[in-house]
N, C-alpha and C. Protein backbone atom coordinates (compact mmCIF):
# COMPACT_ATOMS: atom_id res chain seq x y z
N MET A 1 -10.87 30.29 -41.51
CA MET A 1 -10.00 28.76 -40.99
C MET A 1 -9.85 29.51 -39.65
N ARG A 2 -9.24 30.65 -39.33
CA ARG A 2 -9.03 30.88 -38.16
C ARG A 2 -9.97 30.94 -37.29
N PHE A 3 -11.20 31.25 -37.46
CA PHE A 3 -12.34 31.11 -36.61
C PHE A 3 -12.61 29.95 -36.10
N SER A 4 -12.36 29.01 -37.01
CA SER A 4 -12.15 27.40 -36.55
C SER A 4 -11.00 26.54 -35.57
N GLN A 5 -9.65 27.47 -36.30
CA GLN A 5 -9.12 27.11 -35.11
C GLN A 5 -9.02 27.63 -33.83
N THR A 6 -9.56 29.22 -33.64
CA THR A 6 -9.59 29.48 -32.39
C THR A 6 -10.80 28.68 -31.97
N LEU A 7 -11.95 28.21 -32.25
CA LEU A 7 -12.73 27.82 -31.48
C LEU A 7 -12.81 26.18 -31.33
N THR A 8 -11.88 25.89 -32.10
CA THR A 8 -11.19 24.17 -31.74
C THR A 8 -9.98 24.49 -30.39
N ALA A 9 -9.30 25.06 -30.64
CA ALA A 9 -8.53 25.44 -29.27
C ALA A 9 -9.66 26.37 -27.96
N SER A 10 -10.33 27.15 -28.00
CA SER A 10 -11.37 27.53 -27.32
C SER A 10 -11.87 25.95 -26.73
N LEU A 11 -12.49 25.07 -27.24
CA LEU A 11 -13.40 24.19 -27.04
C LEU A 11 -11.91 22.99 -26.46
N LEU A 12 -10.83 22.81 -26.63
CA LEU A 12 -9.94 21.73 -25.94
C LEU A 12 -10.07 23.08 -24.41
N LEU A 13 -9.38 23.88 -24.24
CA LEU A 13 -8.73 24.51 -23.59
C LEU A 13 -10.18 24.62 -22.08
N LEU A 14 -11.84 24.55 -22.59
CA LEU A 14 -12.75 24.50 -22.07
C LEU A 14 -12.94 23.22 -21.08
N THR A 15 -12.87 21.57 -21.93
CA THR A 15 -12.79 20.71 -22.06
C THR A 15 -11.34 20.33 -20.73
N LEU A 16 -10.37 20.68 -21.26
CA LEU A 16 -9.31 20.30 -20.33
C LEU A 16 -9.24 21.27 -18.93
N SER A 17 -10.07 22.04 -18.90
CA SER A 17 -10.23 23.46 -18.03
C SER A 17 -11.13 22.49 -16.84
N ALA A 18 -12.37 21.80 -17.45
CA ALA A 18 -13.17 20.90 -16.60
C ALA A 18 -12.95 19.44 -16.11
N CYS A 19 -11.44 19.35 -16.85
CA CYS A 19 -11.39 17.64 -16.50
C CYS A 19 -10.03 17.88 -16.01
N ASP A 20 -9.43 17.97 -14.90
CA ASP A 20 -8.21 18.15 -14.39
C ASP A 20 -7.43 16.84 -13.62
N GLY A 21 -8.60 15.85 -13.80
CA GLY A 21 -7.28 14.53 -14.13
C GLY A 21 -8.08 13.96 -12.88
N ARG A 22 -8.48 14.81 -11.82
CA ARG A 22 -8.61 14.20 -10.50
C ARG A 22 -9.50 13.31 -9.93
N GLU A 23 -9.99 12.68 -9.54
CA GLU A 23 -11.54 12.13 -9.27
C GLU A 23 -12.11 12.69 -7.91
N GLU A 24 -13.00 12.54 -7.67
CA GLU A 24 -14.08 13.38 -7.00
C GLU A 24 -14.89 12.21 -6.01
N ILE A 25 -15.00 12.64 -4.86
CA ILE A 25 -15.72 11.49 -3.56
C ILE A 25 -16.69 12.37 -3.76
N GLY A 26 -18.17 12.26 -3.94
CA GLY A 26 -19.34 12.95 -3.52
C GLY A 26 -19.31 14.79 -3.73
N GLY A 27 -18.86 14.92 -4.90
CA GLY A 27 -18.66 16.00 -5.38
C GLY A 27 -17.27 16.78 -5.19
N LEU A 28 -16.64 16.47 -4.31
CA LEU A 28 -15.29 16.71 -3.96
C LEU A 28 -14.40 15.92 -4.52
N PRO A 29 -13.32 17.12 -4.66
CA PRO A 29 -12.12 16.37 -5.10
C PRO A 29 -11.19 15.46 -4.10
N VAL A 30 -10.47 14.24 -4.52
CA VAL A 30 -9.84 13.39 -3.67
C VAL A 30 -8.27 14.33 -3.34
N PRO A 31 -8.05 14.48 -2.22
CA PRO A 31 -6.61 15.08 -2.10
C PRO A 31 -5.69 14.55 -2.55
N ALA A 32 -4.84 14.72 -3.33
CA ALA A 32 -3.18 14.28 -3.62
C ALA A 32 -2.54 13.73 -2.29
N ALA A 33 -2.15 12.12 -2.80
CA ALA A 33 -1.48 11.68 -1.77
C ALA A 33 -0.69 13.18 -1.14
N PRO A 34 -0.63 12.86 0.06
CA PRO A 34 0.61 13.76 0.89
C PRO A 34 1.95 12.76 1.30
N PRO A 35 2.81 13.69 1.22
CA PRO A 35 4.70 12.97 1.02
C PRO A 35 4.33 11.90 2.01
N ARG A 36 5.37 11.23 1.90
CA ARG A 36 5.58 9.99 2.42
C ARG A 36 5.93 10.01 3.60
N GLN A 37 5.77 9.05 4.74
CA GLN A 37 6.73 9.12 5.95
C GLN A 37 8.02 9.06 5.78
N GLN A 38 8.36 10.00 6.23
CA GLN A 38 9.94 9.89 5.76
C GLN A 38 10.82 9.88 7.13
N ASP A 39 10.47 9.53 7.92
CA ASP A 39 10.99 9.25 9.47
C ASP A 39 12.08 8.95 9.59
N ALA A 40 13.05 8.70 9.10
CA ALA A 40 14.40 7.64 8.87
C ALA A 40 15.04 7.08 9.89
N GLU A 41 13.96 7.22 11.53
CA GLU A 41 14.34 6.51 12.83
C GLU A 41 13.89 5.45 12.73
N GLN A 42 12.86 5.57 12.31
CA GLN A 42 11.09 5.07 12.38
C GLN A 42 11.25 3.58 11.33
N GLN A 43 11.84 4.31 9.67
CA GLN A 43 12.20 3.35 8.81
C GLN A 43 13.40 2.50 8.78
N ALA A 44 14.38 2.73 10.17
CA ALA A 44 15.61 2.19 10.59
C ALA A 44 15.36 0.87 11.21
N LEU A 45 14.27 0.90 12.20
CA LEU A 45 13.81 0.26 13.04
C LEU A 45 13.14 -0.69 12.50
N GLY A 46 12.17 -0.03 11.44
CA GLY A 46 10.79 -0.85 10.87
C GLY A 46 11.90 -1.61 9.69
N GLN A 47 12.65 -1.47 9.35
CA GLN A 47 14.13 -2.43 8.38
C GLN A 47 14.78 -3.52 9.62
N ARG A 48 15.12 -3.07 10.88
CA ARG A 48 15.28 -4.22 11.29
C ARG A 48 14.66 -5.33 11.59
N VAL A 49 13.49 -4.77 12.29
CA VAL A 49 12.19 -5.56 12.88
C VAL A 49 11.72 -6.59 11.89
N PHE A 50 12.18 -5.82 10.60
CA PHE A 50 11.20 -7.00 9.57
C PHE A 50 12.52 -7.50 8.93
N GLN A 51 13.78 -7.50 8.98
CA GLN A 51 15.23 -8.14 8.98
C GLN A 51 15.30 -9.61 10.07
N SER A 52 14.57 -9.25 11.29
CA SER A 52 14.71 -10.36 12.32
C SER A 52 13.52 -11.05 12.51
N HIS A 53 12.08 -10.55 11.81
CA HIS A 53 11.35 -11.56 12.29
C HIS A 53 10.46 -11.63 10.81
N CYS A 54 10.20 -10.61 9.90
CA CYS A 54 9.73 -11.24 8.36
C CYS A 54 9.99 -11.80 7.48
N ALA A 55 11.51 -11.14 7.43
CA ALA A 55 12.25 -11.45 6.00
C ALA A 55 12.22 -13.33 5.75
N ARG A 56 12.48 -13.75 6.91
CA ARG A 56 12.34 -15.56 6.73
C ARG A 56 11.32 -15.79 5.83
N CYS A 57 10.35 -15.20 6.21
CA CYS A 57 9.00 -15.47 4.80
C CYS A 57 8.60 -14.35 3.42
N HIS A 58 9.09 -13.54 4.10
CA HIS A 58 8.39 -12.35 3.07
C HIS A 58 9.22 -12.38 2.24
N GLY A 59 11.05 -12.18 2.25
CA GLY A 59 11.95 -12.28 1.71
C GLY A 59 12.54 -10.68 1.96
N ALA A 60 14.04 -10.79 2.06
CA ALA A 60 14.92 -9.54 2.40
C ALA A 60 14.27 -7.99 1.90
N GLY A 61 13.80 -8.22 1.00
CA GLY A 61 13.24 -6.91 -0.21
C GLY A 61 11.81 -7.12 0.22
N ALA A 62 10.85 -7.55 1.18
CA ALA A 62 9.44 -7.75 1.13
C ALA A 62 8.73 -8.40 -0.35
N GLU A 63 9.76 -9.22 -1.08
CA GLU A 63 9.44 -9.67 -2.43
C GLU A 63 8.28 -10.59 -2.09
N GLY A 64 8.19 -11.37 -1.10
CA GLY A 64 7.42 -12.36 -0.75
C GLY A 64 8.26 -13.76 -1.19
N ALA A 65 7.09 -14.92 -0.97
CA ALA A 65 7.00 -16.18 -1.63
C ALA A 65 7.53 -16.44 -2.65
N PRO A 66 7.96 -17.13 -3.93
CA PRO A 66 7.52 -16.97 -4.68
C PRO A 66 5.83 -18.09 -4.65
N ASN A 67 5.01 -17.73 -6.10
CA ASN A 67 3.79 -18.58 -6.12
C ASN A 67 3.10 -17.88 -4.40
N TRP A 68 3.02 -16.71 -4.19
CA TRP A 68 2.36 -16.48 -3.20
C TRP A 68 0.75 -16.64 -3.61
N HIS A 69 0.43 -16.41 -4.55
CA HIS A 69 -0.74 -16.12 -4.91
C HIS A 69 -1.70 -17.74 -5.22
N GLN A 70 -1.03 -19.05 -4.43
CA GLN A 70 -1.23 -20.04 -4.89
C GLN A 70 -0.87 -21.23 -3.82
N PRO A 71 -2.29 -21.79 -3.27
CA PRO A 71 -2.14 -22.02 -1.70
C PRO A 71 -0.80 -23.20 -2.13
N ASP A 72 -0.38 -23.44 -0.75
CA ASP A 72 0.34 -24.49 -0.89
C ASP A 72 0.16 -26.36 -0.76
N ALA A 73 0.87 -26.80 -0.48
CA ALA A 73 0.16 -28.53 -0.45
C ALA A 73 -0.94 -28.23 0.90
N ASP A 74 -0.87 -27.79 1.97
CA ASP A 74 -1.46 -27.60 3.07
C ASP A 74 -3.06 -26.80 2.84
N GLY A 75 -2.62 -26.42 1.66
CA GLY A 75 -3.88 -25.65 1.44
C GLY A 75 -4.05 -23.88 1.87
N HIS A 76 -2.53 -23.94 2.57
CA HIS A 76 -2.19 -22.12 2.95
C HIS A 76 -1.88 -21.25 1.92
N PHE A 77 -1.62 -19.98 2.06
CA PHE A 77 -1.16 -19.09 1.41
C PHE A 77 -0.01 -19.02 1.45
N PRO A 78 1.32 -18.95 1.03
CA PRO A 78 2.61 -18.53 1.21
C PRO A 78 2.59 -16.81 1.63
N ALA A 79 3.72 -16.43 1.83
CA ALA A 79 3.59 -15.04 2.46
C ALA A 79 3.70 -14.35 1.32
N PRO A 80 3.14 -13.30 1.42
CA PRO A 80 2.89 -12.69 -0.07
C PRO A 80 3.65 -11.49 0.23
N PRO A 81 3.89 -10.56 -1.34
CA PRO A 81 4.84 -9.48 -1.04
C PRO A 81 4.45 -8.42 -0.62
N LEU A 82 5.34 -7.50 -0.22
CA LEU A 82 4.84 -6.44 0.80
C LEU A 82 5.16 -4.95 0.09
N ASN A 83 5.78 -5.61 -1.10
CA ASN A 83 6.90 -4.12 -1.48
C ASN A 83 6.17 -3.26 -2.37
N GLY A 84 4.68 -3.63 -2.52
CA GLY A 84 3.67 -2.82 -3.17
C GLY A 84 3.33 -3.53 -4.59
N SER A 85 3.79 -4.85 -4.97
CA SER A 85 3.43 -5.98 -6.19
C SER A 85 2.61 -6.88 -5.89
N GLY A 86 2.54 -6.64 -4.69
CA GLY A 86 1.38 -7.82 -3.79
C GLY A 86 -0.20 -6.93 -3.55
N HIS A 87 -0.56 -7.34 -2.94
CA HIS A 87 -2.00 -6.92 -2.32
C HIS A 87 -2.17 -6.12 -1.11
N ALA A 88 -0.96 -6.02 -0.47
CA ALA A 88 -0.87 -5.60 0.68
C ALA A 88 -1.79 -3.88 1.20
N TRP A 89 -1.28 -3.35 -0.21
CA TRP A 89 -1.70 -2.16 -0.50
C TRP A 89 -3.26 -1.65 -0.78
N HIS A 90 -3.71 -3.11 -0.79
CA HIS A 90 -5.16 -2.86 0.08
C HIS A 90 -5.40 -2.55 0.72
N HIS A 91 -4.99 -2.57 1.96
CA HIS A 91 -5.43 -3.00 3.20
C HIS A 91 -4.89 -1.20 4.12
N SER A 92 -6.01 -1.11 4.94
CA SER A 92 -5.42 0.35 5.52
C SER A 92 -4.48 0.12 6.44
N ARG A 93 -4.06 0.87 7.15
CA ARG A 93 -2.95 0.55 8.45
C ARG A 93 -2.94 0.22 9.60
N GLU A 94 -4.36 0.26 9.93
CA GLU A 94 -5.08 -0.32 10.45
C GLU A 94 -5.10 -2.17 10.60
N ARG A 95 -5.73 -2.35 9.26
CA ARG A 95 -5.61 -3.72 9.16
C ARG A 95 -4.37 -4.33 9.35
N LEU A 96 -3.44 -3.47 8.26
CA LEU A 96 -1.90 -4.30 8.16
C LEU A 96 -1.66 -4.88 10.05
N ALA A 97 -1.84 -3.80 10.48
CA ALA A 97 -1.28 -3.79 12.05
C ALA A 97 -1.97 -4.95 12.95
N ALA A 98 -3.47 -4.99 12.45
CA ALA A 98 -4.07 -6.17 13.43
C ALA A 98 -3.67 -7.24 12.82
N LEU A 99 -3.32 -7.44 11.37
CA LEU A 99 -2.77 -8.93 10.75
C LEU A 99 -1.46 -9.11 11.39
N ILE A 100 -0.57 -8.07 11.20
CA ILE A 100 1.03 -8.61 12.37
C ILE A 100 0.73 -8.93 13.84
N ARG A 101 -0.85 -8.36 13.88
CA ARG A 101 -0.80 -8.57 15.89
C ARG A 101 -1.13 -9.40 15.75
N GLU A 102 -1.87 -10.16 15.10
CA GLU A 102 -2.90 -11.55 15.09
C GLU A 102 -2.90 -12.29 14.04
N GLY A 103 -1.92 -12.14 13.06
CA GLY A 103 -1.40 -13.42 12.02
C GLY A 103 -2.55 -13.91 11.10
N SER A 104 -2.08 -15.02 10.55
CA SER A 104 -3.49 -15.46 9.50
C SER A 104 -4.73 -15.24 9.98
N PRO A 105 -5.73 -14.62 9.71
CA PRO A 105 -7.30 -15.25 9.77
C PRO A 105 -7.75 -16.79 9.36
N ASN A 106 -8.52 -17.44 9.97
CA ASN A 106 -9.26 -18.20 9.81
C ASN A 106 -7.98 -19.78 9.03
N GLY A 107 -6.96 -19.58 9.30
CA GLY A 107 -6.18 -20.21 8.64
C GLY A 107 -5.95 -20.37 7.33
N GLN A 108 -5.96 -18.83 6.79
CA GLN A 108 -5.93 -19.26 5.24
C GLN A 108 -4.04 -18.78 4.72
N GLY A 109 -3.40 -18.38 5.89
CA GLY A 109 -2.02 -18.59 5.61
C GLY A 109 -1.02 -19.11 6.78
N LYS A 110 -0.10 -19.10 7.00
CA LYS A 110 0.87 -19.37 8.11
C LYS A 110 1.72 -18.36 9.20
N MET A 111 1.14 -17.00 8.74
CA MET A 111 1.99 -15.95 9.43
C MET A 111 1.47 -16.40 11.03
N PRO A 112 2.28 -16.10 11.79
CA PRO A 112 1.87 -16.02 13.31
C PRO A 112 1.92 -14.97 13.28
N ALA A 113 1.37 -15.16 15.18
CA ALA A 113 0.41 -13.55 15.58
C ALA A 113 1.63 -13.09 16.14
N TRP A 114 2.24 -11.64 15.85
CA TRP A 114 3.12 -10.86 17.04
C TRP A 114 3.46 -10.34 18.20
N LYS A 115 1.51 -10.30 18.41
CA LYS A 115 0.98 -9.26 19.06
C LYS A 115 2.26 -9.62 20.71
N ASP A 116 3.08 -10.64 21.52
CA ASP A 116 3.54 -11.03 22.42
C ASP A 116 5.12 -11.02 21.70
N THR A 117 5.81 -10.45 20.63
CA THR A 117 6.38 -10.43 20.70
C THR A 117 6.90 -8.73 20.02
N LEU A 118 5.87 -8.10 19.08
CA LEU A 118 6.20 -7.13 18.74
C LEU A 118 5.54 -5.93 19.60
N ASN A 119 6.06 -4.66 20.32
CA ASN A 119 5.17 -3.83 20.46
C ASN A 119 4.60 -2.37 19.57
N GLU A 120 3.65 -1.80 19.65
CA GLU A 120 2.78 -1.25 18.69
C GLU A 120 4.02 0.00 17.95
N GLN A 121 4.92 0.41 18.84
CA GLN A 121 5.92 1.22 18.15
C GLN A 121 7.09 0.19 16.82
N GLU A 122 7.02 -0.54 17.46
CA GLU A 122 7.34 -1.90 16.16
C GLU A 122 6.58 -2.26 14.97
N VAL A 123 5.62 -2.10 15.17
CA VAL A 123 4.22 -2.81 14.48
C VAL A 123 4.40 -1.54 13.30
N ALA A 124 4.30 -0.83 13.59
CA ALA A 124 3.94 0.64 12.87
C ALA A 124 5.55 1.43 12.55
N ALA A 125 6.41 0.81 12.48
CA ALA A 125 7.66 1.39 12.29
C ALA A 125 7.72 -0.44 10.68
N VAL A 126 7.75 -1.09 10.72
CA VAL A 126 7.73 -2.19 9.98
C VAL A 126 6.34 -1.63 8.90
N ILE A 127 5.34 -1.20 9.20
CA ILE A 127 4.46 -1.22 7.96
C ILE A 127 4.86 0.35 7.30
N ALA A 128 5.66 1.48 7.55
CA ALA A 128 6.26 2.77 7.48
C ALA A 128 7.05 1.81 6.70
N TRP A 129 7.87 0.44 6.96
CA TRP A 129 8.99 0.48 6.12
C TRP A 129 8.78 0.15 4.53
N PHE A 130 8.00 -1.40 5.51
CA PHE A 130 7.43 -1.58 4.00
C PHE A 130 7.02 -0.71 2.84
N GLN A 131 5.83 0.11 3.49
CA GLN A 131 5.01 1.06 2.51
C GLN A 131 6.45 1.90 1.65
N SER A 132 7.49 2.47 2.55
CA SER A 132 8.55 2.94 1.59
C SER A 132 8.96 2.55 0.11
N LEU A 133 8.75 1.33 0.50
CA LEU A 133 9.04 0.07 -1.13
C LEU A 133 7.74 0.28 -2.33
N TRP A 134 6.93 0.83 -1.58
CA TRP A 134 6.09 0.87 -3.34
C TRP A 134 6.00 1.98 -3.68
N PRO A 135 6.02 2.03 -5.15
CA PRO A 135 6.41 2.38 -6.24
C PRO A 135 4.98 3.87 -6.01
N GLN A 136 5.40 4.80 -6.30
CA GLN A 136 4.43 6.17 -6.28
C GLN A 136 3.55 5.90 -6.40
N PRO A 137 2.82 5.10 -7.61
CA PRO A 137 1.33 4.87 -7.95
C PRO A 137 0.58 3.99 -7.28
N VAL A 138 1.32 3.43 -6.63
CA VAL A 138 0.99 2.02 -6.04
C VAL A 138 0.49 2.78 -3.89
N TYR A 139 1.35 3.93 -3.54
CA TYR A 139 1.27 4.27 -2.62
C TYR A 139 -0.02 5.16 -3.09
N GLU A 140 0.15 6.31 -4.01
CA GLU A 140 -1.04 6.74 -4.38
C GLU A 140 -2.76 6.33 -4.36
N ALA A 141 -2.60 4.96 -4.81
CA ALA A 141 -3.67 4.12 -5.07
C ALA A 141 -4.47 3.65 -3.76
N TRP A 142 -3.21 3.28 -2.74
CA TRP A 142 -3.48 3.05 -2.00
C TRP A 142 -4.25 4.61 -0.42
N TYR A 143 -3.50 5.83 -1.32
CA TYR A 143 -3.98 6.97 -0.54
C TYR A 143 -5.66 7.25 -0.64
N GLU A 144 -5.95 6.88 -1.84
CA GLU A 144 -7.27 7.17 -2.69
C GLU A 144 -7.89 6.25 -2.12
N MET A 145 -7.91 4.79 -1.67
CA MET A 145 -8.52 3.58 -1.11
C MET A 145 -8.71 4.30 0.55
N GLN A 146 -8.25 4.81 1.18
CA GLN A 146 -7.97 5.10 2.21
C GLN A 146 -9.28 6.22 2.61
N GLN A 147 -8.44 6.75 1.14
CA GLN A 147 -9.83 8.38 1.57
C GLN A 147 -11.07 7.82 1.50
N ARG A 148 -11.34 6.76 0.78
CA ARG A 148 -12.85 6.07 0.11
C ARG A 148 -13.35 5.98 1.37
N GLY A 149 -12.58 5.31 2.23
CA GLY A 149 -12.81 4.57 4.11
C GLY A 149 -12.85 3.43 3.97
N ARG A 150 -12.57 2.63 2.56
CA ARG A 150 -12.19 0.99 2.42
C ARG A 150 -11.18 0.23 3.29
């Protein structure tokens, strides 16, 4: 009986040590998500810019328009949530910045181009602010996608 318990415990420990729960890319472990952007000044700027220019469509808390995933009567998609409950986390910071600067691609939405209104610092601040709203599991999934080069 004691041998059986020892063998079972040994096999369990061996199995757990071989699988630490971290994913790998090309045989190398994916690093844990780094601490989030904590620059209070940048986030304050991002929140001010968001409230001034983005909240009208995306909502004061970045919750998005109701039924954001369904086209409206014009065939355009309403403003999606940016708080981690929509699809914004599927995009890199570079892609998010391009969407802000250039607006909705190919008439898919009503997002205006902000390149003549917002500078690069303001665009980066808005992204940092709404990313700060993302729940930790969403941020970690976003980070992992960035590591994979998506």
